[in-house]
């Protein structure tokens, strides 16, 4: 009776061990942030009354489990939710899939045929064994006549040959069945992989349902495997018309699931950012190790990041130098030109950039560098783009962020490739002027001034420039500034000619007792070769001194607006077609004759 009771308990346990219920989630909408995405999915599942385990496939392979939310009808209670990439179950393959079911049925039939062949082979093999034993008995029986013995040998020979040939035929048949079986198993493996290839992620739900029936589940979570950056196309036909701006986004996702026909929303918010307000505690000063401070602040450098990633870059560990292949020394004069986000900067600024802030790096050498940046690029050029909070239909400007809701369904595949999304087309009223700093660059740049730019909800990003129907290059848009107007660089205009020449007969050096006095005189010549008026903002500068032994006097400012704190000279010129203007500036530098000023 005890064994019988245990048997019934075992049967009862088997009857209550329910098969997991499999379903697949479909992506309905995605809100993409600069470094994450919030996915909204829906799954439909047929639940019995009582408790069930539901396995939801086709979810992102990386997600923040603490952000998972499951919406269900009131009749369904979600008891637990678990995320995994390694769900293992004998029930994992969905047998309701018609392709998989057909392959499995074929495998079963082939296996049955193989079994039949093996039975026949065994039967014939046993018959041969019996004949062989009878042959031995007959050979030892001296009572048989020669004729009977010959008759038995002939029978044995014929029968054994027949059985052996039959076994050979059966073996060939079995081999063919095994080949078919292997093909079917391979096909089953491919089909199951195809079924599961879109995602390794699964949500395992323990649910309790009051009433049996079909239930719709709403699934929301945040995955860090997606991002977007703003991008722009700036088109201008001439300097009289507004700029046509195409506001776009570049979306990338590697969530493991393809987003098909989804409602896309792009936001400049950061769901991973801490929302806890900072608290100030007491600030105590302590003595530290000056050597460690030096190593922390100065010895770390982006040069370590450049070396090994940028071909031809060498890091001189003494004094944190960077050399680009071809430089002969490690003096400051041989330091490469550094451009960060389109702005020429110095090695101190370069050393302060952390590795995590780098978006892209490019190193220009030799003729490639000098062709773009002239003599300043003779020691090479390091071009760095930093990471910035770099597409569109309805713009929602909230208290803390801006989002773009797109009504057109988009397909964003999980392949790590950039998907371009058009958000909005904007006509930007612009005031055009030319800008030139001939001391740094001998060419004029066309600037478009945009006033009241905050209403366009622009975000920092790169922009293509198409001027007068020609692609002229890229620029950067940085609306996070304090100026009233936004200046967009529309590229170089070679029809504005500019020269900066030293006037030799008005320059020279004098020695006065213990001092040396040097006079520098330059002529700035600008010419408008265009067919319309050109407004030019021209800048130059004279040096300033922080040493009491070095005195500087501005002899001729060329009727410029002078900023005595920065030494910058500014002219606002209106040039008629084919008009040429010349401006002369002059300054005098006096310093001890036993000293050398290396950057004069």
Protein backbone atom coordinates (compact mmCIF):
# COMPACT_ATOMS: atom_id res chain seq x y z
CA UNK A 1 0.00 0.00 0.00
CA UNK A 2 2.89 2.37 0.74
CA UNK A 3 4.40 1.81 -2.71
CA UNK A 4 0.99 2.37 -4.30
CA UNK A 5 0.55 5.66 -2.43
CA UNK A 6 3.98 6.84 -3.56
CA UNK A 7 3.10 5.91 -7.13
CA UNK A 8 -0.08 8.00 -7.02
CA UNK A 9 1.85 10.95 -5.52
CA UNK A 10 4.37 10.70 -8.40
CA UNK A 11 1.56 10.60 -10.98
CA UNK A 12 -0.11 13.56 -9.28
CA UNK A 13 3.15 15.57 -9.38
CA UNK A 14 3.54 14.80 -13.09
CA UNK A 15 -0.01 15.93 -13.81
CA UNK A 16 0.55 19.27 -12.06
CA UNK A 17 3.93 19.98 -13.75
CA UNK A 18 2.70 22.37 -16.42
CA UNK A 19 4.46 23.03 -19.69
CA UNK A 20 5.67 26.66 -19.99
CA UNK A 21 3.57 28.82 -22.30
CA UNK A 22 5.66 30.49 -25.01
CA UNK A 23 4.82 33.73 -26.75
CA UNK A 24 6.72 36.39 -28.70
CA UNK A 25 6.63 40.14 -28.04
CA UNK A 26 6.27 42.68 -30.82
CA UNK A 27 7.80 46.17 -30.63
CA UNK A 28 5.09 48.85 -30.83
CA UNK A 29 7.04 52.01 -29.97
CA UNK A 30 10.54 53.14 -29.04
CA UNK A 31 11.68 56.29 -27.28
CA UNK A 32 15.36 56.72 -28.07
CA UNK A 33 17.60 58.82 -25.87
CA UNK A 34 21.20 59.84 -26.49
CA UNK A 35 22.47 56.72 -24.70
CA UNK A 36 19.47 54.39 -24.23
CA UNK A 37 16.00 53.49 -25.45
CA UNK A 38 12.68 52.79 -23.77
CA UNK A 39 10.89 50.01 -25.64
CA UNK A 40 7.16 49.35 -25.57
CA UNK A 41 6.15 45.84 -26.65
CA UNK A 42 2.97 43.79 -26.71
CA UNK A 43 2.49 40.04 -26.37
CA UNK A 44 -0.68 37.95 -26.62
CA UNK A 45 -0.93 34.66 -24.72
CA UNK A 46 -3.67 32.07 -24.15
CA UNK A 47 -3.72 31.36 -20.39
CA UNK A 48 -5.55 28.62 -18.51
CA UNK A 49 -7.16 29.31 -15.16
CA UNK A 50 -4.72 29.08 -12.28
CA UNK A 51 -0.97 29.54 -12.18
CA UNK A 52 1.25 29.39 -15.26
CA UNK A 53 4.81 30.08 -16.35
CA UNK A 54 4.92 32.35 -19.38
CA UNK A 55 8.12 32.71 -21.44
CA UNK A 56 8.13 35.90 -23.54
CA UNK A 57 10.63 35.75 -26.37
CA UNK A 58 11.88 38.53 -28.68
CA UNK A 59 12.86 41.03 -26.01
CA UNK A 60 16.13 43.01 -26.02
CA UNK A 61 19.21 40.97 -25.20
CA UNK A 62 20.40 43.67 -22.80
CA UNK A 63 17.98 45.56 -20.61
CA UNK A 64 17.77 47.15 -17.20
CA UNK A 65 15.79 44.55 -15.28
CA UNK A 66 14.72 47.07 -12.65
CA UNK A 67 12.89 49.07 -15.33
CA UNK A 68 10.72 46.20 -16.59
CA UNK A 69 6.99 46.89 -16.28
CA UNK A 70 4.28 44.43 -17.27
CA UNK A 71 0.72 45.65 -17.85
CA UNK A 72 -2.04 43.02 -17.61
CA UNK A 73 -5.85 42.89 -17.16
CA UNK A 74 -7.28 42.89 -13.63
CA UNK A 75 -8.00 39.17 -13.88
CA UNK A 76 -4.28 38.41 -14.17
CA UNK A 77 -1.79 38.71 -11.31
CA UNK A 78 1.91 38.93 -12.18
CA UNK A 79 3.65 37.13 -9.32
CA UNK A 80 7.25 37.43 -10.57
CA UNK A 81 9.29 38.66 -13.55
CA UNK A 82 12.75 37.42 -14.44
CA UNK A 83 15.01 38.31 -17.38
CA UNK A 84 17.50 35.86 -18.86
CA UNK A 85 19.62 35.29 -21.95
CA UNK A 86 20.12 31.61 -21.16
CA UNK A 87 16.70 30.05 -20.75
CA UNK A 88 16.97 26.26 -21.05
CA UNK A 89 13.88 24.05 -21.24
CA UNK A 90 12.83 20.89 -23.03
CA UNK A 91 9.74 22.87 -24.07
CA UNK A 92 11.65 25.89 -25.40
CA UNK A 93 11.02 25.16 -29.07
CA UNK A 94 7.53 26.17 -30.07
CA UNK A 95 6.06 23.03 -31.60
CA UNK A 96 3.13 24.99 -32.99
CA UNK A 97 5.45 26.39 -35.63
CA UNK A 98 4.30 24.52 -38.80
CA UNK A 99 7.79 24.36 -40.33
CA UNK A 100 9.35 22.89 -37.20
CA UNK A 101 6.43 20.46 -36.75
CA UNK A 102 6.79 19.20 -40.34
CA UNK A 103 10.51 18.58 -39.90
CA UNK A 104 9.99 16.78 -36.59
CA UNK A 105 7.31 14.52 -38.13
CA UNK A 106 9.68 13.65 -40.98
CA UNK A 107 12.44 12.83 -38.50
CA UNK A 108 10.07 10.51 -36.63
CA UNK A 109 9.13 8.64 -39.86
CA UNK A 110 12.73 8.22 -40.93
CA UNK A 111 13.71 6.95 -37.49
CA UNK A 112 10.94 4.33 -37.71
CA UNK A 113 12.18 3.19 -41.12
CA UNK A 114 15.73 2.94 -39.79
CA UNK A 115 14.40 0.77 -36.94
CA UNK A 116 12.68 -1.59 -39.40
CA UNK A 117 15.84 -1.99 -41.48
CA UNK A 118 17.91 -2.70 -38.38
CA UNK A 119 15.44 -5.44 -37.33
CA UNK A 120 15.72 -7.08 -40.75
CA UNK A 121 19.51 -6.90 -40.64
CA UNK A 122 19.55 -8.57 -37.22
CA UNK A 123 17.21 -11.34 -38.41
CA UNK A 124 19.37 -12.15 -41.41
CA UNK A 125 22.55 -12.02 -39.36
CA UNK A 126 21.12 -14.56 -36.88
CA UNK A 127 20.15 -16.85 -39.79
CA UNK A 128 23.73 -16.76 -41.08
CA UNK A 129 24.99 -17.65 -37.60
CA UNK A 130 22.62 -20.66 -37.54
CA UNK A 131 23.80 -21.85 -40.98
CA UNK A 132 27.40 -21.60 -39.89
CA UNK A 133 26.74 -23.75 -36.82
CA UNK A 134 24.85 -26.39 -38.88
CA UNK A 135 27.75 -26.47 -41.33
CA UNK A 136 30.11 -27.48 -38.55
CA UNK A 137 27.75 -30.20 -37.33
CA UNK A 138 27.33 -31.60 -40.88
CA UNK A 139 31.05 -31.69 -41.46
CA UNK A 140 31.61 -33.86 -38.36
CA UNK A 141 28.78 -36.29 -39.18
CA UNK A 142 30.51 -39.20 -40.92
CA UNK A 143 27.15 -40.89 -41.58
CA UNK A 144 26.38 -38.51 -44.49
CA UNK A 145 27.00 -39.69 -48.02
CA UNK A 146 29.11 -37.70 -50.43
CA UNK A 147 26.04 -36.75 -52.51
CA UNK A 148 24.14 -35.52 -49.45
CA UNK A 149 27.16 -33.56 -48.29
CA UNK A 150 27.55 -31.91 -51.73
CA UNK A 151 23.86 -31.05 -51.73
CA UNK A 152 24.14 -29.48 -48.27
CA UNK A 153 27.22 -27.47 -49.24
CA UNK A 154 25.46 -26.12 -52.33
CA UNK A 155 22.44 -25.14 -50.24
CA UNK A 156 24.62 -23.46 -47.63
CA UNK A 157 26.58 -21.58 -50.24
CA UNK A 158 23.48 -20.31 -52.06
CA UNK A 159 21.58 -19.38 -48.89
CA UNK A 160 24.48 -17.63 -47.24
CA UNK A 161 25.21 -15.59 -50.37
CA UNK A 162 21.55 -14.58 -50.56
CA UNK A 163 21.48 -13.52 -46.91
CA UNK A 164 24.78 -11.61 -47.19
CA UNK A 165 23.55 -9.72 -50.28
CA UNK A 166 20.32 -8.88 -48.48
CA UNK A 167 22.24 -7.54 -45.47
CA UNK A 168 24.40 -5.45 -47.79
CA UNK A 169 21.29 -4.00 -49.44
CA UNK A 170 19.76 -3.30 -46.03
CA UNK A 171 22.97 -1.57 -44.90
CA UNK A 172 22.90 0.69 -47.97
CA UNK A 173 19.25 1.46 -47.24
CA UNK A 174 20.08 2.29 -43.62
CA UNK A 175 22.94 4.55 -44.72
CA UNK A 176 20.59 6.49 -46.99
CA UNK A 177 18.04 6.80 -44.20
CA UNK A 178 20.79 8.09 -41.86
CA UNK A 179 21.82 10.69 -44.45
CA UNK A 180 18.20 11.82 -44.71
CA UNK A 181 17.97 11.93 -40.92
CA UNK A 182 21.09 14.09 -40.64
CA UNK A 183 19.73 16.51 -43.24
CA UNK A 184 16.43 16.75 -41.38
CA UNK A 185 18.19 17.36 -38.06
CA UNK A 186 20.33 20.05 -39.67
CA UNK A 187 17.20 21.63 -41.14
CA UNK A 188 15.52 21.52 -37.74
CA UNK A 189 18.54 23.22 -36.18
CA UNK A 190 18.50 25.96 -38.84
CA UNK A 191 14.75 26.51 -38.44
CA UNK A 192 14.97 26.71 -34.67
CA UNK A 193 17.89 29.12 -34.96
CA UNK A 194 15.90 31.24 -37.41
CA UNK A 195 13.02 31.24 -34.98
CA UNK A 196 15.25 32.42 -32.15
CA UNK A 197 17.81 34.56 -34.03
CA UNK A 198 16.10 37.90 -33.42
CA UNK A 199 16.82 37.84 -29.71
CA UNK A 200 18.51 35.89 -26.97
CA UNK A 201 16.59 37.76 -24.30
CA UNK A 202 13.52 36.28 -22.63
CA UNK A 203 11.21 37.35 -19.83
CA UNK A 204 9.96 34.56 -17.56
CA UNK A 205 6.68 35.41 -15.87
CA UNK A 206 4.90 33.53 -13.10
CA UNK A 207 1.24 34.51 -13.43
CA UNK A 208 -2.09 33.62 -11.87
CA UNK A 209 -5.21 33.90 -14.02
CA UNK A 210 -8.81 33.92 -12.75
CA UNK A 211 -10.51 33.12 -16.05
CA UNK A 212 -9.06 31.06 -18.90
CA UNK A 213 -8.68 32.92 -22.20
CA UNK A 214 -6.44 35.12 -24.34
CA UNK A 215 -4.63 37.89 -22.48
CA UNK A 216 -2.74 40.88 -23.88
CA UNK A 217 0.41 41.93 -22.00
CA UNK A 218 2.02 45.39 -22.32
CA UNK A 219 5.79 45.30 -21.75
CA UNK A 220 8.01 48.31 -21.12
CA UNK A 221 11.70 48.49 -20.24
CA UNK A 222 14.90 50.47 -20.89
CA UNK A 223 17.80 49.08 -22.92
CA UNK A 224 21.19 50.76 -23.20
CA UNK A 225 21.81 49.27 -26.66
CA UNK A 226 20.47 52.22 -28.67
CA UNK A 227 21.34 55.88 -29.22
CA UNK A 228 20.77 58.83 -31.53
CA UNK A 229 22.64 61.99 -32.49
CA UNK A 230 21.31 65.14 -34.21
CA UNK A 231 22.55 65.92 -37.71
CA UNK A 232 21.75 68.76 -40.12
CA UNK A 233 21.83 69.63 -43.80
CA UNK A 234 22.24 73.37 -44.42
CA UNK A 235 21.37 74.57 -47.91
CA UNK A 236 21.68 78.14 -49.11
CA UNK A 237 21.26 79.26 -52.72
CA UNK A 238 22.81 82.70 -52.15
CA UNK A 239 23.39 85.26 -49.42
CA UNK A 240 19.97 86.85 -49.93
CA UNK A 241 17.72 83.89 -49.20
CA UNK A 242 17.05 82.04 -45.91
CA UNK A 243 18.89 78.83 -45.04
CA UNK A 244 16.97 75.64 -45.68
CA UNK A 245 17.78 73.38 -42.74
CA UNK A 246 16.92 69.69 -42.78
CA UNK A 247 16.80 68.57 -39.17
CA UNK A 248 17.76 64.88 -39.06
CA UNK A 249 18.76 62.15 -36.64
CA UNK A 250 21.17 59.27 -36.85
CA UNK A 251 19.74 56.31 -34.92
CA UNK A 252 21.72 53.20 -34.01
CA UNK A 253 20.49 50.15 -32.12
CA UNK A 254 21.97 46.78 -31.14
CA UNK A 255 19.17 45.54 -28.90
CA UNK A 256 19.05 42.14 -30.58
CA UNK A 257 15.54 42.65 -31.95
CA UNK A 258 14.53 44.46 -35.12
CA UNK A 259 12.13 47.35 -34.72
CA UNK A 260 9.59 46.92 -37.51
CA UNK A 261 6.98 49.63 -38.22
CA UNK A 262 7.43 51.24 -34.82
CA UNK A 263 6.30 54.64 -33.60
CA UNK A 264 9.58 56.42 -32.97
CA UNK A 265 10.20 59.18 -30.43
CA UNK A 266 13.57 60.86 -30.00
CA UNK A 267 14.45 62.67 -26.79
CA UNK A 268 17.44 64.59 -25.48
CA UNK A 269 16.69 63.33 -21.97
CA UNK A 270 18.91 60.92 -20.07
CA UNK A 271 17.02 58.09 -18.32
CA UNK A 272 20.25 56.83 -16.73
CA UNK A 273 21.12 60.15 -15.15
CA UNK A 274 20.84 60.49 -11.41
CA UNK A 275 17.91 62.68 -10.39
CA UNK A 276 19.09 63.19 -6.83
CA UNK A 277 19.91 66.83 -6.05
CA UNK A 278 23.50 67.27 -4.77
CA UNK A 279 24.16 68.09 -1.12
CA UNK A 280 27.16 70.13 0.02
CA UNK A 281 29.13 68.79 2.97
CA UNK A 282 31.94 70.46 4.89
CA UNK A 283 35.06 71.08 2.76
CA UNK A 284 38.30 70.30 4.59
CA UNK A 285 41.73 71.12 3.18
CA UNK A 286 44.52 68.62 3.74
CA UNK A 287 48.17 68.41 2.73
CA UNK A 288 48.80 66.14 -0.22
CA UNK A 289 51.71 64.63 -2.12
CA UNK A 290 52.74 67.13 -4.82
CA UNK A 291 54.30 64.35 -6.93
CA UNK A 292 51.07 62.39 -7.06
CA UNK A 293 49.18 65.56 -7.90
CA UNK A 294 51.56 66.17 -10.82
CA UNK A 295 51.11 62.65 -12.10
CA UNK A 296 47.34 62.86 -11.91
CA UNK A 297 46.92 66.26 -13.52
CA UNK A 298 49.69 66.33 -16.10
CA UNK A 299 51.05 62.87 -16.78
CA UNK A 300 47.73 61.48 -17.98
CA UNK A 301 47.19 62.63 -21.49
CA UNK A 302 45.10 61.96 -24.47
CA UNK A 303 48.45 61.26 -26.10
CA UNK A 304 48.28 57.84 -24.48
CA UNK A 305 44.93 57.38 -26.18
CA UNK A 306 46.27 58.58 -29.52
CA UNK A 307 49.32 56.34 -29.45
CA UNK A 308 48.36 52.97 -30.82
CA UNK A 309 45.08 54.22 -32.29
CA UNK A 310 46.41 56.87 -34.62
CA UNK A 311 49.03 55.69 -37.09
CA UNK A 312 52.25 57.67 -36.91
CA UNK A 313 51.67 59.18 -33.46
CA UNK A 314 54.38 58.84 -30.81
CA UNK A 315 53.97 59.70 -27.15
CA UNK A 316 57.11 61.21 -25.60
CA UNK A 317 56.65 60.28 -21.95
CA UNK A 318 59.03 62.98 -20.80
CA UNK A 319 56.97 66.13 -20.44
CA UNK A 320 53.96 64.53 -22.11
CA UNK A 321 54.81 65.36 -25.73
CA UNK A 322 53.05 64.16 -28.84
CA UNK A 323 54.97 63.64 -32.07
CA UNK A 324 53.50 62.88 -35.46
CA UNK A 325 55.82 60.85 -37.68
CA UNK A 326 58.22 63.15 -39.49
CA UNK A 327 58.97 65.63 -36.68
CA UNK A 328 62.64 65.89 -35.84
CA UNK A 329 62.51 67.06 -32.23
CA UNK A 330 60.20 67.30 -29.26
CA UNK A 331 60.31 71.04 -28.73
CA UNK A 332 57.10 73.02 -28.34
CA UNK A 333 57.73 74.45 -31.80
CA UNK A 334 57.30 70.95 -33.25
CA UNK A 335 54.07 70.25 -31.41
CA UNK A 336 51.26 69.30 -33.83
CA UNK A 337 48.29 71.56 -34.45
CA UNK A 338 45.36 70.54 -32.24
CA UNK A 339 41.77 71.08 -33.34
CA UNK A 340 38.97 70.12 -30.95
CA UNK A 341 35.41 70.31 -32.26
CA UNK A 342 36.52 72.59 -35.10
CA UNK A 343 38.37 75.03 -32.80
CA UNK A 344 42.14 75.43 -32.79
CA UNK A 345 43.41 74.86 -29.26
CA UNK A 346 46.62 74.07 -27.37
CA UNK A 347 48.24 71.06 -25.74
CA UNK A 348 47.03 72.06 -22.25
CA UNK A 349 43.42 71.81 -23.35
CA UNK A 350 44.24 68.54 -25.09
CA UNK A 351 45.71 67.06 -21.91
CA UNK A 352 42.54 67.90 -19.95
CA UNK A 353 40.23 65.81 -22.16
CA UNK A 354 39.38 62.45 -20.64
CA UNK A 355 39.42 59.34 -22.78
CA UNK A 356 35.70 58.79 -22.20
CA UNK A 357 34.89 62.17 -23.75
CA UNK A 358 36.43 61.33 -27.12
CA UNK A 359 34.01 60.63 -29.93
CA UNK A 360 36.46 60.37 -32.83
CA UNK A 361 40.10 61.15 -33.60
CA UNK A 362 41.86 61.75 -36.88
CA UNK A 363 45.50 62.52 -37.59
CA UNK A 364 46.53 64.44 -40.69
CA UNK A 365 50.16 64.28 -41.79
CA UNK A 366 52.51 65.76 -44.35
CA UNK A 367 50.89 67.19 -47.48
CA UNK A 368 47.39 66.29 -46.31
CA UNK A 369 47.81 68.50 -43.24
CA UNK A 370 49.47 71.43 -45.00
CA UNK A 371 46.96 71.36 -47.89
CA UNK A 372 44.14 72.05 -45.43
CA UNK A 373 45.81 74.09 -42.69
CA UNK A 374 48.79 75.61 -44.46
CA UNK A 375 52.09 76.09 -42.70
CA UNK A 376 50.41 75.62 -39.31
CA UNK A 377 49.97 71.95 -40.15
CA UNK A 378 53.62 71.26 -40.99
CA UNK A 379 54.06 69.18 -37.80
CA UNK A 380 50.80 67.32 -38.35
CA UNK A 381 47.25 67.99 -37.21
CA UNK A 382 45.24 66.17 -34.53
CA UNK A 383 41.52 66.55 -35.17
CA UNK A 384 39.30 65.49 -32.28
CA UNK A 385 35.53 65.40 -31.99
CA UNK A 386 34.21 65.11 -28.46
CA UNK A 387 31.04 63.34 -27.47
CA UNK A 388 28.07 65.70 -27.49
CA UNK A 389 24.38 65.50 -26.71
CA UNK A 390 24.28 65.37 -30.20
CA UNK A 391 14.93 62.99 -36.15
CA UNK A 392 11.19 64.59 -36.00
CA UNK A 393 7.54 65.57 -36.61
CA UNK A 394 5.90 66.76 -33.41
CA UNK A 395 8.22 68.62 -31.07
CA UNK A 396 7.32 68.48 -27.38
CA UNK A 397 9.25 70.97 -25.31
CA UNK A 398 8.95 69.85 -21.70
CA UNK A 399 10.27 71.43 -18.57
CA UNK A 400 13.51 69.46 -18.65
CA UNK A 401 13.92 68.09 -22.18
CA UNK A 402 12.78 68.15 -25.80
CA UNK A 403 11.30 65.17 -27.64
CA UNK A 404 10.42 64.56 -31.29
CA UNK A 405 7.45 62.30 -31.96
CA UNK A 406 7.38 60.80 -35.46
CA UNK A 407 4.08 59.71 -36.89
CA UNK A 408 5.52 57.71 -39.80
CA UNK A 409 6.37 54.12 -38.74
CA UNK A 410 10.06 53.34 -39.05
CA UNK A 411 12.10 50.16 -39.45
CA UNK A 412 15.27 50.28 -37.32
CA UNK A 413 17.20 47.03 -37.64
CA UNK A 414 19.41 45.66 -34.89
CA UNK A 415 22.62 45.74 -36.91
CA UNK A 416 24.66 48.57 -35.41
CA UNK A 417 24.36 50.61 -38.61
CA UNK A 418 23.32 54.25 -38.73
CA UNK A 419 19.70 54.77 -39.77
CA UNK A 420 18.92 58.29 -40.94
CA UNK A 421 15.59 59.69 -39.82
CA UNK A 422 14.24 62.98 -41.21
CA UNK A 423 12.60 65.07 -38.51
CA UNK A 424 11.75 68.49 -39.77
CA UNK A 425 12.53 71.05 -42.47
CA UNK A 426 13.13 74.58 -41.24
CA UNK A 427 13.63 77.87 -43.09
CA UNK A 428 16.08 79.90 -41.06
CA UNK A 429 16.03 83.66 -41.74
CA UNK A 430 19.69 84.61 -41.78
CA UNK A 431 21.87 87.67 -42.03
CA UNK A 432 25.05 86.89 -43.95
CA UNK A 433 28.46 88.39 -43.48
CA UNK A 434 32.04 87.39 -44.15
CA UNK A 435 34.56 86.79 -41.42
CA UNK A 436 38.35 86.73 -41.71
CA UNK A 437 41.34 86.52 -39.40
CA UNK A 438 44.27 86.77 -41.86
CA UNK A 439 46.87 86.34 -39.13
CA UNK A 440 45.56 82.75 -38.72
CA UNK A 441 43.93 81.97 -42.08
CA UNK A 442 44.19 83.88 -45.34
CA UNK A 443 40.66 83.01 -46.51
CA UNK A 444 37.28 84.52 -45.71
CA UNK A 445 34.49 82.48 -44.14
CA UNK A 446 30.83 83.09 -44.81
CA UNK A 447 28.84 83.32 -41.57
CA UNK A 448 25.08 83.15 -41.28
CA UNK A 449 23.71 84.90 -38.21
CA UNK A 450 20.51 83.37 -36.82
CA UNK A 451 18.59 85.41 -34.30
CA UNK A 452 16.01 84.01 -31.85
CA UNK A 453 17.40 80.54 -32.56
CA UNK A 454 16.10 78.98 -29.33
CA UNK A 455 12.59 78.57 -30.81
CA UNK A 456 13.88 75.97 -33.27
CA UNK A 457 14.85 73.49 -30.50
CA UNK A 458 18.27 72.90 -32.03
CA UNK A 459 20.66 70.44 -30.41
CA UNK A 460 24.46 70.26 -30.71
CA UNK A 461 25.58 68.31 -33.77
CA UNK A 462 27.38 68.26 -37.11
CA UNK A 463 25.96 69.77 -40.29
CA UNK A 464 26.61 69.35 -44.00
CA UNK A 465 26.90 72.64 -45.88
CA UNK A 466 25.54 72.94 -49.42
CA UNK A 467 26.06 76.47 -50.74
CA UNK A 468 25.07 77.60 -54.24
CA UNK A 469 24.34 73.98 -55.11
CA UNK A 470 27.80 72.69 -54.10
CA UNK A 471 28.86 70.68 -51.08
CA UNK A 472 31.49 72.75 -49.29
CA UNK A 473 32.11 70.69 -46.15
CA UNK A 474 30.92 70.28 -42.60
CA UNK A 475 30.38 72.60 -39.69
CA UNK A 476 29.17 72.26 -36.12
CA UNK A 477 26.04 73.72 -34.58
CA UNK A 478 26.27 74.62 -30.92
CA UNK A 479 23.06 76.23 -29.66
CA UNK A 480 24.19 75.86 -26.02
CA UNK A 481 25.74 79.31 -25.94
CA UNK A 482 24.96 82.61 -24.27
CA UNK A 483 25.13 84.89 -27.32
CA UNK A 484 21.94 86.42 -28.71
CA UNK A 485 22.69 85.20 -32.23
CA UNK A 486 23.86 81.84 -33.53
CA UNK A 487 26.69 81.98 -36.05
CA UNK A 488 26.72 79.19 -38.61
CA UNK A 489 29.89 78.83 -40.63
CA UNK A 490 28.85 78.25 -44.25
CA UNK A 491 32.35 77.56 -45.52
CA UNK A 492 35.11 79.47 -47.30
CA UNK A 493 34.52 81.93 -50.10
CA UNK A 494 37.56 82.30 -52.34
CA UNK A 495 35.99 85.28 -54.12
CA UNK A 496 36.97 87.41 -51.15
CA UNK A 497 40.73 87.89 -51.50
CA UNK A 498 42.80 88.68 -48.40
CA UNK A 499 46.50 89.36 -47.90
CA UNK A 500 48.53 90.16 -44.78
CA UNK A 501 52.03 91.41 -45.61
CA UNK A 502 54.80 92.75 -43.44
CA UNK A 503 55.91 96.27 -44.46
CA UNK A 504 59.67 95.86 -44.35
CA UNK A 505 60.67 99.54 -44.57
CA UNK A 506 58.31 100.35 -41.67
CA UNK A 507 59.57 97.51 -39.49
CA UNK A 508 62.90 97.10 -37.79
CA UNK A 509 64.99 96.66 -34.63
CA UNK A 510 66.80 99.21 -32.47
CA UNK A 511 69.12 98.72 -29.49
CA UNK A 512 68.75 101.25 -26.67
CA UNK A 513 71.34 100.69 -23.92
CA UNK A 514 70.03 97.56 -22.15
CA UNK A 515 66.80 97.28 -24.16
CA UNK A 516 65.86 96.08 -27.58
CA UNK A 517 63.04 97.82 -29.46
CA UNK A 518 61.26 96.17 -32.38
CA UNK A 519 58.62 97.71 -34.63
CA UNK A 520 56.20 95.52 -36.60
CA UNK A 521 54.07 96.95 -39.39
CA UNK A 522 51.57 95.01 -41.50
CA UNK A 523 49.29 95.85 -44.41
CA UNK A 524 45.95 94.04 -44.62
CA UNK A 525 44.51 94.03 -48.13
CA UNK A 526 40.98 92.79 -48.85
CA UNK A 527 39.21 92.67 -52.23
CA UNK A 528 35.63 91.78 -53.13
CA UNK A 529 35.62 89.84 -56.41
CA UNK A 530 31.89 89.15 -56.22
CA UNK A 531 29.11 90.81 -58.19
CA UNK A 532 27.33 92.05 -55.08
CA UNK A 533 28.24 93.96 -51.96
CA UNK A 534 30.04 92.04 -49.25
CA UNK A 535 30.00 92.82 -45.54
CA UNK A 536 33.24 91.68 -43.91
CA UNK A 537 34.09 91.32 -40.23
CA UNK A 538 37.89 91.55 -40.19
CA UNK A 539 40.00 90.78 -37.12
CA UNK A 540 43.68 91.00 -36.26
CA UNK A 541 45.63 91.50 -33.06
CA UNK A 542 48.70 92.91 -31.39
CA UNK A 543 50.53 91.19 -28.49
CA UNK A 544 50.01 91.87 -24.79
CA UNK A 545 52.48 91.64 -21.96
CA UNK A 546 52.25 90.20 -18.47
CA UNK A 547 55.91 91.03 -17.70
CA UNK A 548 56.82 94.51 -16.46
CA UNK A 549 60.06 94.39 -18.44
CA UNK A 550 58.16 93.94 -21.71
CA UNK A 551 56.29 97.01 -22.91
CA UNK A 552 54.07 97.13 -25.98
CA UNK A 553 52.76 100.21 -27.75
CA UNK A 554 50.12 100.19 -30.49
CA UNK A 555 51.41 102.73 -33.00
CA UNK A 556 48.68 102.47 -35.67
CA UNK A 557 45.36 100.70 -35.13
CA UNK A 558 44.11 101.22 -38.70
CA UNK A 559 40.94 102.85 -37.30
CA UNK A 560 39.89 99.57 -35.74
CA UNK A 561 37.77 98.91 -32.67
CA UNK A 562 40.46 98.08 -30.12
CA UNK A 563 39.97 95.71 -27.22
CA UNK A 564 42.85 96.57 -24.92
CA UNK A 565 42.18 93.54 -22.68
CA UNK A 566 42.61 91.01 -25.47
CA UNK A 567 44.61 92.97 -28.04
CA UNK A 568 42.04 92.18 -30.74
CA UNK A 569 41.43 94.68 -33.52
CA UNK A 570 38.08 94.59 -35.31
CA UNK A 571 36.88 96.23 -38.51
CA UNK A 572 33.40 96.08 -40.01
CA UNK A 573 33.83 96.69 -43.73
CA UNK A 574 31.38 97.08 -46.57
CA UNK A 575 32.98 96.19 -49.89
CA UNK A 576 31.37 97.09 -53.19
CA UNK A 577 31.84 94.73 -56.15
CA UNK A 578 35.51 94.70 -57.24
CA UNK A 579 36.42 97.12 -54.44
CA UNK A 580 39.79 96.84 -52.67
CA UNK A 581 40.63 98.23 -49.24
CA UNK A 582 43.98 98.40 -47.48
CA UNK A 583 44.50 98.72 -43.72
CA UNK A 584 47.80 99.28 -41.93
CA UNK A 585 48.55 98.31 -38.35
CA UNK A 586 51.77 98.86 -36.42
CA UNK A 587 53.03 98.13 -32.91
CA UNK A 588 56.28 98.43 -30.98
CA UNK A 589 57.74 95.92 -28.53
CA UNK A 590 60.46 96.90 -26.03
CA UNK A 591 62.24 94.33 -23.83
CA UNK A 592 65.71 93.58 -22.33
CA UNK A 593 68.22 92.88 -25.08
CA UNK A 594 69.61 89.82 -23.28
CA UNK A 595 66.20 88.15 -23.47
CA UNK A 596 64.56 86.28 -26.30
CA UNK A 597 60.82 86.29 -26.94
CA UNK A 598 60.11 83.05 -28.74
CA UNK A 599 56.56 83.73 -29.93
CA UNK A 600 56.99 87.27 -31.24
